[in-house]
Amino acid sequence: MTWNDAMIRKYYDAVVKHGGKNMIKKIAEDLGVEEAEVQKEASKLEKATKRKKDWSNPNAKKQKHDCLARARSSEHRPRSKPA
């Protein structure tokens, strides 16, 4: 079963409420579902969040590459000698 938006909100509320020891067990109790289901859906949400972060800036990889290239080129640039 995939969770709807209301269930996901309840999950995050429970995470904030318990945030620590035996969190999955307590969240499962709050939501009235099995621990395995909470664990499975939590993993899906975590993966989706990571993908969204990666996709939020499609130019991030290129920007990092450009920045590194500029840094390398300035390191190898011959320095002018004082007159």
N, C-alpha and C. Protein backbone atom coordinates (compact mmCIF):
# COMPACT_ATOMS: atom_id res chain seq x y z
N MET A 1 0.84 -1.18 0.00
CA MET A 1 0.00 0.00 0.00
C MET A 1 0.89 1.25 0.00
N THR A 2 0.66 2.15 -0.94
CA THR A 2 1.39 3.41 -0.97
C THR A 2 0.61 4.43 -0.16
N TRP A 3 1.32 5.22 0.59
CA TRP A 3 0.67 6.20 1.45
C TRP A 3 0.21 7.42 0.67
N ASN A 4 -0.93 7.95 1.09
CA ASN A 4 -1.41 9.20 0.50
C ASN A 4 -0.80 10.38 1.26
N ASP A 5 -1.08 11.59 0.81
CA ASP A 5 -0.47 12.78 1.42
C ASP A 5 -0.80 12.91 2.91
N ALA A 6 -2.02 12.58 3.29
CA ALA A 6 -2.41 12.70 4.70
C ALA A 6 -1.58 11.75 5.57
N MET A 7 -1.35 10.54 5.07
CA MET A 7 -0.57 9.56 5.83
C MET A 7 0.89 10.01 5.91
N ILE A 8 1.41 10.58 4.84
CA ILE A 8 2.79 11.07 4.85
C ILE A 8 2.93 12.20 5.86
N ARG A 9 1.94 13.10 5.92
CA ARG A 9 1.98 14.19 6.92
C ARG A 9 1.97 13.62 8.33
N LYS A 10 1.13 12.62 8.56
CA LYS A 10 1.08 11.99 9.89
C LYS A 10 2.43 11.36 10.23
N TYR A 11 3.05 10.73 9.22
CA TYR A 11 4.36 10.11 9.42
C TYR A 11 5.37 11.15 9.86
N TYR A 12 5.45 12.26 9.15
CA TYR A 12 6.43 13.29 9.50
C TYR A 12 6.13 13.92 10.85
N ASP A 13 4.85 14.08 11.18
CA ASP A 13 4.49 14.58 12.52
C ASP A 13 4.99 13.61 13.59
N ALA A 14 4.83 12.31 13.34
CA ALA A 14 5.28 11.31 14.30
C ALA A 14 6.81 11.29 14.40
N VAL A 15 7.50 11.51 13.28
CA VAL A 15 8.97 11.55 13.31
C VAL A 15 9.42 12.70 14.19
N VAL A 16 8.80 13.86 14.02
CA VAL A 16 9.16 15.02 14.83
C VAL A 16 8.85 14.75 16.30
N LYS A 17 7.72 14.12 16.55
CA LYS A 17 7.29 13.85 17.92
C LYS A 17 8.23 12.87 18.63
N HIS A 18 8.62 11.79 17.95
CA HIS A 18 9.39 10.73 18.61
C HIS A 18 10.89 10.84 18.38
N GLY A 19 11.29 11.21 17.18
CA GLY A 19 12.68 11.40 16.75
C GLY A 19 13.77 10.78 17.60
N GLY A 20 13.84 9.50 17.73
CA GLY A 20 14.93 8.90 18.48
C GLY A 20 14.75 7.42 18.68
N LYS A 21 14.85 6.99 19.94
CA LYS A 21 14.80 5.58 20.29
C LYS A 21 13.46 4.96 19.90
N ASN A 22 13.52 3.77 19.33
CA ASN A 22 12.33 3.00 18.96
C ASN A 22 11.36 3.81 18.10
N MET A 23 11.90 4.71 17.28
CA MET A 23 11.07 5.61 16.51
C MET A 23 10.11 4.87 15.58
N ILE A 24 10.59 3.88 14.84
CA ILE A 24 9.75 3.17 13.88
C ILE A 24 8.59 2.50 14.61
N LYS A 25 8.88 1.87 15.74
CA LYS A 25 7.83 1.18 16.50
C LYS A 25 6.77 2.18 16.98
N LYS A 26 7.22 3.31 17.52
CA LYS A 26 6.28 4.31 18.03
C LYS A 26 5.46 4.94 16.90
N ILE A 27 6.11 5.19 15.76
CA ILE A 27 5.39 5.75 14.62
C ILE A 27 4.33 4.77 14.13
N ALA A 28 4.69 3.50 14.06
CA ALA A 28 3.73 2.47 13.63
C ALA A 28 2.52 2.46 14.56
N GLU A 29 2.76 2.59 15.86
CA GLU A 29 1.66 2.63 16.81
C GLU A 29 0.79 3.86 16.58
N ASP A 30 1.42 5.02 16.36
CA ASP A 30 0.66 6.26 16.11
C ASP A 30 -0.19 6.16 14.85
N LEU A 31 0.37 5.53 13.81
CA LEU A 31 -0.34 5.45 12.53
C LEU A 31 -1.28 4.26 12.45
N GLY A 32 -1.12 3.31 13.35
CA GLY A 32 -1.97 2.13 13.34
C GLY A 32 -1.63 1.16 12.21
N VAL A 33 -0.34 1.05 11.89
CA VAL A 33 0.11 0.14 10.84
C VAL A 33 1.27 -0.70 11.36
N GLU A 34 1.66 -1.70 10.56
CA GLU A 34 2.78 -2.57 10.93
C GLU A 34 4.11 -1.81 10.86
N GLU A 35 5.06 -2.21 11.70
CA GLU A 35 6.40 -1.60 11.68
C GLU A 35 7.06 -1.76 10.32
N ALA A 36 6.89 -2.94 9.70
CA ALA A 36 7.51 -3.20 8.40
C ALA A 36 7.01 -2.21 7.34
N GLU A 37 5.73 -1.87 7.41
CA GLU A 37 5.17 -0.92 6.45
C GLU A 37 5.77 0.47 6.66
N VAL A 38 5.92 0.87 7.92
CA VAL A 38 6.53 2.17 8.21
C VAL A 38 7.96 2.20 7.69
N GLN A 39 8.71 1.13 7.93
CA GLN A 39 10.10 1.07 7.47
C GLN A 39 10.18 1.15 5.96
N LYS A 40 9.31 0.40 5.28
CA LYS A 40 9.32 0.37 3.81
C LYS A 40 8.98 1.75 3.24
N GLU A 41 7.93 2.37 3.76
CA GLU A 41 7.51 3.68 3.25
C GLU A 41 8.53 4.76 3.61
N ALA A 42 9.15 4.65 4.77
CA ALA A 42 10.18 5.61 5.17
C ALA A 42 11.36 5.55 4.20
N SER A 43 11.73 4.35 3.79
CA SER A 43 12.82 4.20 2.82
C SER A 43 12.46 4.83 1.48
N LYS A 44 11.22 4.62 1.04
CA LYS A 44 10.76 5.22 -0.22
C LYS A 44 10.82 6.74 -0.14
N LEU A 45 10.33 7.28 0.98
CA LEU A 45 10.32 8.74 1.14
C LEU A 45 11.73 9.30 1.16
N GLU A 46 12.63 8.59 1.83
CA GLU A 46 14.02 9.05 1.90
C GLU A 46 14.66 9.07 0.51
N LYS A 47 14.44 8.01 -0.26
CA LYS A 47 14.99 7.95 -1.62
C LYS A 47 14.41 9.05 -2.49
N ALA A 48 13.10 9.26 -2.39
CA ALA A 48 12.45 10.30 -3.20
C ALA A 48 12.99 11.67 -2.84
N THR A 49 13.22 11.90 -1.56
CA THR A 49 13.75 13.19 -1.11
C THR A 49 15.15 13.40 -1.65
N LYS A 50 15.99 12.37 -1.62
CA LYS A 50 17.35 12.49 -2.15
C LYS A 50 17.33 12.78 -3.64
N ARG A 51 16.46 12.08 -4.37
CA ARG A 51 16.37 12.32 -5.82
C ARG A 51 15.92 13.75 -6.08
N LYS A 52 14.96 14.23 -5.31
CA LYS A 52 14.46 15.59 -5.52
C LYS A 52 15.57 16.60 -5.28
N LYS A 53 16.38 16.39 -4.25
CA LYS A 53 17.50 17.30 -3.98
C LYS A 53 18.47 17.30 -5.15
N ASP A 54 18.77 16.12 -5.67
CA ASP A 54 19.71 16.02 -6.79
C ASP A 54 19.16 16.71 -8.03
N TRP A 55 17.84 16.63 -8.23
CA TRP A 55 17.24 17.20 -9.42
C TRP A 55 16.92 18.68 -9.25
N SER A 56 16.96 19.19 -8.05
CA SER A 56 16.56 20.57 -7.83
C SER A 56 17.47 21.55 -8.56
N ASN A 57 18.71 21.18 -8.78
CA ASN A 57 19.63 22.04 -9.51
C ASN A 57 20.33 21.20 -10.58
N PRO A 58 19.74 21.15 -11.79
CA PRO A 58 20.32 20.30 -12.83
C PRO A 58 21.71 20.73 -13.26
N ASN A 59 22.08 21.98 -12.98
CA ASN A 59 23.40 22.47 -13.38
C ASN A 59 24.45 22.31 -12.29
N ALA A 60 24.08 21.72 -11.17
CA ALA A 60 25.00 21.63 -10.03
C ALA A 60 26.29 20.91 -10.40
N LYS A 61 26.18 19.81 -11.11
CA LYS A 61 27.37 19.04 -11.47
C LYS A 61 28.27 19.86 -12.40
N LYS A 62 27.66 20.51 -13.39
CA LYS A 62 28.44 21.34 -14.32
C LYS A 62 29.07 22.51 -13.59
N GLN A 63 28.33 23.14 -12.69
CA GLN A 63 28.87 24.28 -11.94
C GLN A 63 30.07 23.85 -11.10
N LYS A 64 29.96 22.67 -10.47
CA LYS A 64 31.07 22.17 -9.66
C LYS A 64 32.28 21.92 -10.55
N HIS A 65 32.05 21.31 -11.71
CA HIS A 65 33.14 21.02 -12.64
C HIS A 65 33.80 22.32 -13.10
N ASP A 66 33.00 23.33 -13.46
CA ASP A 66 33.54 24.62 -13.91
C ASP A 66 34.36 25.29 -12.82
N CYS A 67 33.86 25.22 -11.61
CA CYS A 67 34.55 25.84 -10.47
C CYS A 67 35.90 25.16 -10.25
N LEU A 68 35.92 23.84 -10.29
CA LEU A 68 37.17 23.10 -10.11
C LEU A 68 38.14 23.40 -11.25
N ALA A 69 37.62 23.51 -12.46
CA ALA A 69 38.49 23.81 -13.61
C ALA A 69 39.12 25.19 -13.46
N ARG A 70 38.34 26.17 -13.02
CA ARG A 70 38.89 27.51 -12.80
C ARG A 70 39.95 27.49 -11.71
N ALA A 71 39.70 26.75 -10.65
CA ALA A 71 40.66 26.68 -9.55
C ALA A 71 41.96 26.04 -10.03
N ARG A 72 41.84 24.98 -10.80
CA ARG A 72 43.04 24.30 -11.31
C ARG A 72 43.82 25.21 -12.26
N SER A 73 43.11 25.91 -13.13
CA SER A 73 43.80 26.75 -14.11
C SER A 73 44.51 27.91 -13.42
N SER A 74 43.95 28.43 -12.34
CA SER A 74 44.61 29.53 -11.64
C SER A 74 45.83 29.03 -10.87
N GLU A 75 45.82 27.78 -10.44
CA GLU A 75 46.97 27.21 -9.74
C GLU A 75 48.15 27.05 -10.68
N HIS A 76 47.88 26.73 -11.94
CA HIS A 76 48.94 26.44 -12.89
C HIS A 76 49.31 27.64 -13.75
N ARG A 77 48.66 28.75 -13.52
CA ARG A 77 48.96 29.95 -14.29
C ARG A 77 50.32 30.48 -13.85
N PRO A 78 51.21 30.77 -14.79
CA PRO A 78 52.52 31.30 -14.40
C PRO A 78 52.36 32.67 -13.75
N ARG A 79 53.05 32.86 -12.69
CA ARG A 79 52.97 34.14 -11.99
C ARG A 79 53.91 35.14 -12.66
N SER A 80 53.47 36.36 -12.73
CA SER A 80 54.33 37.38 -13.33
C SER A 80 55.41 37.75 -12.34
N LYS A 81 56.59 37.96 -12.85
CA LYS A 81 57.72 38.30 -11.99
C LYS A 81 57.77 39.81 -11.81
N PRO A 82 58.09 40.27 -10.61
CA PRO A 82 58.17 41.72 -10.40
C PRO A 82 59.31 42.31 -11.23
N ALA A 83 59.10 43.52 -11.71
CA ALA A 83 60.10 44.16 -12.58
C ALA A 83 61.26 44.71 -11.81
